Protein backbone atom coordinates (compact mmCIF):
# COMPACT_ATOMS: atom_id res chain seq x y z
CA MET A 1 -0.34 0.14 0.00
CA ARG A 2 1.49 3.31 -1.14
CA SER A 3 1.61 5.72 1.80
CA LEU A 4 -0.09 9.59 2.19
CA LYS A 5 3.35 10.81 1.64
CA GLN A 6 3.87 9.17 -1.43
CA LEU A 7 0.79 10.11 -2.88
CA LEU A 8 1.40 13.64 -2.06
CA LEU A 9 4.70 13.71 -3.86
CA ILE A 10 3.11 12.51 -7.16
CA ILE A 11 0.41 15.43 -6.92
CA SER A 12 3.51 17.73 -6.09
CA LEU A 13 5.34 16.56 -8.95
CA LEU A 14 2.35 17.00 -11.40
CA LEU A 15 2.00 20.40 -10.18
CA PHE A 16 5.39 21.20 -10.64
CA ALA A 17 5.39 19.76 -14.35
CA GLN A 18 2.23 21.56 -15.21
CA GLU A 19 4.05 24.94 -13.84
CA ALA A 20 7.15 24.23 -15.58
CA ARG A 21 5.45 23.74 -19.04
CA SER A 22 2.84 26.91 -19.01
CA GLN A 23 4.27 29.30 -21.12
CA THR A 24 1.62 31.86 -21.93
CA PRO A 25 -1.51 30.93 -19.21
CA TYR A 26 -4.83 32.81 -20.26
CA SER A 27 -8.23 32.85 -19.44
CA ARG A 28 -11.70 34.08 -20.39
CA SER A 29 -14.80 34.32 -17.82
CA PHE A 30 -18.40 34.19 -19.19
CA PRO A 31 -21.45 35.75 -17.28
CA LEU A 32 -24.39 32.62 -17.30
CA GLU A 33 -27.57 34.90 -18.05
CA LEU A 34 -30.86 34.15 -19.38
CA SER A 35 -33.78 36.60 -19.97
CA GLY A 36 -32.08 39.22 -17.29
CA LEU A 37 -31.35 36.45 -14.84
CA LYS A 38 -27.62 35.58 -13.78
CA VAL A 39 -27.27 31.99 -13.03
CA GLY A 40 -23.52 31.73 -12.71
CA GLU A 41 -20.42 31.93 -14.56
CA LEU A 42 -18.04 30.09 -16.76
CA VAL A 43 -14.25 30.20 -16.58
CA ILE A 44 -12.12 28.75 -19.38
CA SER A 45 -8.39 28.61 -18.41
CA PHE A 46 -5.55 27.57 -20.58
CA GLU A 47 -2.30 26.63 -19.44
CA ASP A 48 -0.49 27.76 -22.68
CA VAL A 49 -2.10 29.34 -25.32
CA ILE A 50 -0.59 29.96 -28.99
CA GLU A 51 -3.00 32.31 -30.21
CA ALA A 52 -6.01 33.65 -28.45
CA GLY A 53 -9.24 33.82 -30.75
CA ASP A 54 -12.76 34.34 -30.41
CA PHE A 55 -15.41 32.37 -28.41
CA SER A 56 -18.85 31.69 -28.52
CA VAL A 57 -21.04 30.60 -25.73
CA SER A 58 -24.53 29.93 -26.34
CA LEU A 59 -27.10 28.29 -23.75
CA SER A 60 -29.96 26.29 -23.90
CA THR A 61 -32.81 25.16 -21.55
CA LEU A 62 -34.55 22.63 -23.37
CA SER A 63 -35.01 19.60 -21.60
CA ALA A 64 -32.66 17.43 -24.07
CA SER A 65 -29.45 18.22 -25.66
CA PRO A 66 -29.88 20.58 -28.65
CA SER A 67 -27.32 18.74 -31.04
CA ARG A 68 -29.33 15.69 -29.83
CA SER A 69 -26.17 14.01 -27.79
CA VAL A 70 -27.09 11.31 -25.71
CA LEU A 71 -26.15 10.89 -22.02
CA PRO A 72 -25.28 7.46 -20.59
CA SER A 73 -28.17 5.45 -19.27
CA LEU A 74 -28.98 6.65 -15.54
CA VAL A 75 -27.92 10.15 -16.04
CA ILE A 76 -30.28 12.64 -16.09
CA PRO A 77 -30.05 16.32 -17.17
CA TYR A 78 -30.41 18.64 -13.85
CA SER A 79 -33.06 20.83 -13.69
CA LEU A 80 -31.81 23.97 -12.08
CA PRO A 81 -33.39 26.15 -9.31
CA VAL A 82 -35.42 28.81 -10.73
CA LEU A 83 -34.95 28.00 -13.95
CA GLY A 84 -36.99 24.91 -13.70
CA SER A 85 -34.90 23.29 -16.57
CA PRO A 86 -31.30 21.84 -17.29
CA LEU A 87 -28.96 24.52 -19.04
CA PHE A 88 -27.16 22.71 -21.79
CA ILE A 89 -23.85 25.18 -22.38
CA THR A 90 -22.17 25.14 -26.15
CA ILE A 91 -18.98 26.59 -26.33
CA GLN A 92 -16.85 27.26 -29.68
CA THR A 93 -13.52 28.73 -29.89
CA THR A 94 -10.77 29.70 -32.64
CA THR A 95 -8.31 29.62 -29.93
CA SER A 96 -5.30 27.67 -30.26
CA PHE A 97 -3.66 26.07 -27.15
CA ARG A 98 -1.69 23.41 -25.89
CA GLY A 99 -2.62 20.65 -23.41
CA PRO A 100 -5.84 20.46 -21.23
CA ALA A 101 -8.19 23.53 -21.10
CA LEU A 102 -10.09 23.79 -17.58
CA VAL A 103 -13.66 24.44 -17.61
CA THR A 104 -14.98 25.62 -14.16
CA LEU A 105 -18.82 25.84 -13.92
CA ARG A 106 -20.29 28.08 -11.02
CA TYR A 107 -24.02 28.19 -10.12
CA THR A 108 -24.84 30.88 -7.87
CA ILE A 109 -28.36 30.18 -8.04
CA MET A 110 -28.06 26.79 -5.91
CA GLU A 111 -25.67 25.27 -2.93
CA TYR A 112 -23.34 22.58 -3.27
CA ASP A 113 -24.35 19.10 -1.46
CA PRO A 114 -21.94 16.50 -1.61
CA LYS A 115 -24.91 13.73 -0.85
CA ILE A 116 -26.05 14.77 -4.64
CA PRO A 117 -24.14 13.12 -7.12
CA LEU A 118 -24.03 16.09 -9.78
CA ARG A 119 -21.28 15.68 -12.32
CA PHE A 120 -20.11 18.02 -15.12
CA PHE A 121 -20.89 16.28 -18.90
CA ALA A 122 -19.55 17.19 -22.05
CA ALA A 123 -20.14 15.84 -25.68
CA GLN A 124 -18.79 17.03 -29.05
CA GLY A 125 -22.05 18.20 -29.80
CA THR A 126 -22.79 16.24 -32.92
CA LEU A 127 -25.98 14.46 -33.57
CA LYS A 128 -26.12 11.54 -31.21
CA SER A 129 -22.47 12.12 -29.54
CA PRO A 130 -22.22 10.72 -26.23
CA PHE A 131 -22.08 12.81 -23.13
CA ARG A 132 -19.08 11.61 -20.96
CA ASP A 133 -18.45 12.31 -17.15
CA ILE A 134 -15.53 15.14 -16.96
CA THR A 135 -15.50 15.97 -13.61
CA ALA A 136 -12.28 16.84 -12.18
CA SER A 137 -13.31 18.50 -8.97
CA ALA A 138 -16.76 20.00 -7.26
CA GLY A 139 -17.48 21.88 -4.27
CA ARG A 140 -18.64 24.85 -2.17
CA GLY A 141 -19.04 28.64 -3.53
CA SER A 142 -22.60 28.21 -4.27
CA MET A 143 -22.04 25.05 -6.57
CA TYR A 144 -19.14 24.66 -8.50
CA THR A 145 -17.60 22.26 -10.53
CA THR A 146 -14.47 21.61 -13.09
CA GLY A 147 -13.43 19.61 -15.90
CA TYR A 148 -10.66 19.24 -18.50
CA ARG A 149 -11.20 19.26 -22.11
CA SER A 150 -8.84 18.55 -24.82
CA GLY A 151 -11.29 20.73 -27.27
CA PHE A 152 -14.75 22.41 -26.98
CA SER A 153 -18.18 21.41 -27.46
CA GLU A 154 -21.34 20.87 -25.44
CA PHE A 155 -21.66 20.73 -21.63
CA VAL A 156 -24.22 20.25 -19.17
CA LEU A 157 -24.42 19.81 -15.33
CA ALA A 158 -26.10 15.99 -14.83
CA LEU A 159 -27.45 13.92 -11.62
CA ASP A 160 -25.60 10.68 -12.23
CA LEU A 161 -27.48 8.07 -10.50
CA ARG A 162 -24.89 5.05 -11.64
CA PHE A 163 -23.11 2.94 -9.01
CA LEU A 164 -19.64 4.81 -8.38
CA SER A 165 -17.86 1.56 -9.09
CA ASN A 166 -19.53 1.23 -12.62
CA VAL A 167 -18.94 4.71 -13.24
CA ILE A 168 -15.17 3.98 -12.18
CA ASP A 169 -14.82 0.69 -14.20
CA VAL A 170 -16.37 3.04 -17.58
CA LYS A 171 -13.95 5.68 -17.14
CA PHE A 172 -10.93 3.05 -16.93
CA GLY A 173 -12.16 1.32 -20.12
CA GLU A 174 -12.62 4.45 -21.84
CA LEU A 175 -8.94 5.96 -20.61
CA ASP A 176 -7.61 2.04 -21.90
CA SER A 177 -9.54 2.55 -25.38
CA ALA A 178 -8.21 6.31 -26.03
CA LEU A 179 -4.45 5.65 -25.26
CA ASN A 180 -4.69 2.47 -27.49
CA SER A 181 -6.04 4.33 -30.07
CA GLN A 182 -3.46 6.98 -30.23
CA ASP A 183 -0.67 4.55 -29.68
CA ASP A 184 0.75 5.33 -33.03
CA PHE A 185 1.16 9.05 -32.30
CA ILE A 186 3.38 8.65 -29.26
CA GLU A 187 6.89 7.66 -28.92
CA PRO A 188 6.94 4.22 -28.10
CA ARG A 189 8.93 4.08 -24.92
CA ARG A 190 6.51 6.65 -23.64
CA ALA A 191 3.64 4.97 -24.85
CA GLN A 192 5.02 1.69 -23.06
CA GLU A 193 5.30 3.40 -20.11
CA LEU A 194 1.62 5.10 -20.13
CA HIS A 195 0.36 1.46 -20.52
CA HIS A 196 2.35 0.33 -17.59
CA PHE A 197 1.25 2.83 -15.07
CA LEU A 198 -2.53 2.31 -16.31
CA ASP A 199 -2.43 -1.33 -16.28
CA TYR A 200 -1.03 -0.79 -12.55
CA ALA A 201 -3.88 1.48 -11.77
CA ARG A 202 -6.76 -0.47 -13.16
CA ASP A 203 -5.32 -3.52 -11.73
CA ALA A 204 -5.26 -2.16 -8.33
CA TRP A 205 -8.70 -0.61 -8.73
CA ARG A 206 -10.07 -4.60 -9.63
CA ARG A 207 -8.41 -5.49 -6.17
CA ARG A 208 -10.32 -2.43 -4.59
CA GLN A 209 -6.79 -0.89 -3.72
CA VAL A 210 -7.85 2.49 -3.99
CA LYS A 211 -4.96 4.53 -2.77
CA ASN A 212 -2.51 2.40 -5.27
CA SER A 213 -4.55 3.18 -7.94
CA ILE A 214 -4.51 6.84 -7.30
CA TYR A 215 -0.79 6.31 -7.25
CA TYR A 216 -0.44 4.91 -10.30
CA LEU A 217 -2.83 7.39 -12.09
CA GLY A 218 -0.92 10.18 -10.72
CA LEU A 219 2.06 8.59 -11.95
CA PHE A 220 0.13 8.28 -15.67
CA SER A 221 -0.75 11.96 -15.54
CA LEU A 222 2.72 13.22 -14.93
CA SER A 223 4.24 10.97 -17.75
CA VAL A 224 1.69 12.68 -19.91
CA LYS A 225 2.68 15.88 -18.90
CA GLU A 226 6.43 14.83 -19.15
CA GLY A 227 5.83 13.18 -22.66
CA ALA A 228 4.24 16.25 -24.16
CA ALA A 229 7.13 18.61 -22.87
CA ASP A 230 9.54 16.57 -24.46
CA GLY A 231 7.77 16.52 -27.59
CA GLU A 232 6.74 12.68 -27.46
CA ILE A 233 3.17 13.12 -27.76
CA PRO A 234 1.04 15.70 -29.96
CA ASP A 235 -0.35 18.62 -27.34
CA SER A 236 -2.19 21.18 -29.69
CA TYR A 237 -5.66 22.05 -30.57
CA ASN A 238 -6.68 24.38 -33.66
CA ASP A 239 -3.25 24.09 -34.64
CA PRO A 240 -2.73 23.64 -38.38
CA THR A 241 0.85 21.98 -38.00
CA ASN A 242 -0.66 19.26 -35.59
CA ARG A 243 -3.35 17.00 -37.87
CA VAL A 244 -3.13 14.26 -34.99
CA GLY A 245 -4.91 16.70 -32.53
CA ASN A 246 -4.73 17.19 -28.67
CA VAL A 247 -3.60 13.94 -27.42
CA GLU A 248 -1.85 15.16 -24.27
CA GLY A 249 -5.21 16.95 -23.53
CA ASP A 250 -7.52 14.17 -24.00
CA LEU A 251 -5.38 11.44 -21.93
CA PHE A 252 -4.53 13.85 -19.32
CA ALA A 253 -8.50 15.03 -18.97
CA ARG A 254 -9.28 11.39 -18.85
CA ALA A 255 -6.93 10.55 -15.98
CA GLN A 256 -8.26 13.78 -13.99
CA THR A 257 -11.93 12.50 -13.94
CA SER A 258 -10.87 9.12 -13.28
CA LEU A 259 -8.96 10.49 -10.37
CA PHE A 260 -12.01 12.38 -8.84
CA SER A 261 -14.30 9.28 -9.15
CA LEU A 262 -11.61 7.24 -7.21
CA LYS A 263 -11.14 9.82 -4.45
CA LEU A 264 -14.94 9.56 -3.96
CA VAL A 265 -14.63 5.85 -2.78
CA ARG A 266 -15.10 5.01 0.73
């Protein structure tokens, strides 16, 4: 069993790697307002912007996704107080950036309740594209939640009624599939290391050794950041010189939401 000190060391190294790689941090905030009623705020933060561009943020209070994207079974769009309906948020940008972007959603019309499993979901925003839980954190400050993205699309706060163990199984499966599908774009030794860390983390979870699983996912996240910094993993979005896409942002975002769920296990 890994000690708490070792876990904290991994987190410290990960933060150091993020700070060391940051070149041009940039953020934009957008009020969430409907018919004169301010319901919250959306903040988009980048650790390294190549070129800042235009942003478009559109809101929908339809009962279902405006793009007809699909939520998993037992996941329900959450009806916000005062509005009496969900709020679907579509973000588009011409900004080019490296690494993951952090999306922070804060609703001032409600209070955070840790007993209610509200999660931050995102989809590509194309017809029947699947929504995926991207939650990296949640807490007080009215109600706030964050999630990482490798690009932008459609977002919604939803009530997740699935068993936590099933959610973690799904996230590990999706992370494994994402790594397998992007293997050819990653330097072979780095890809092998990522597979090892992910296999160790997943095996620890199967054995319900949660701290070990968190430990190896921390190493996985750190390796992703190091690989991108060393030019071994494609890492940019809206970048004509990179036709592969933001592999770093995708893998890092998936690892962070898996860590969030693991930390909820009691």
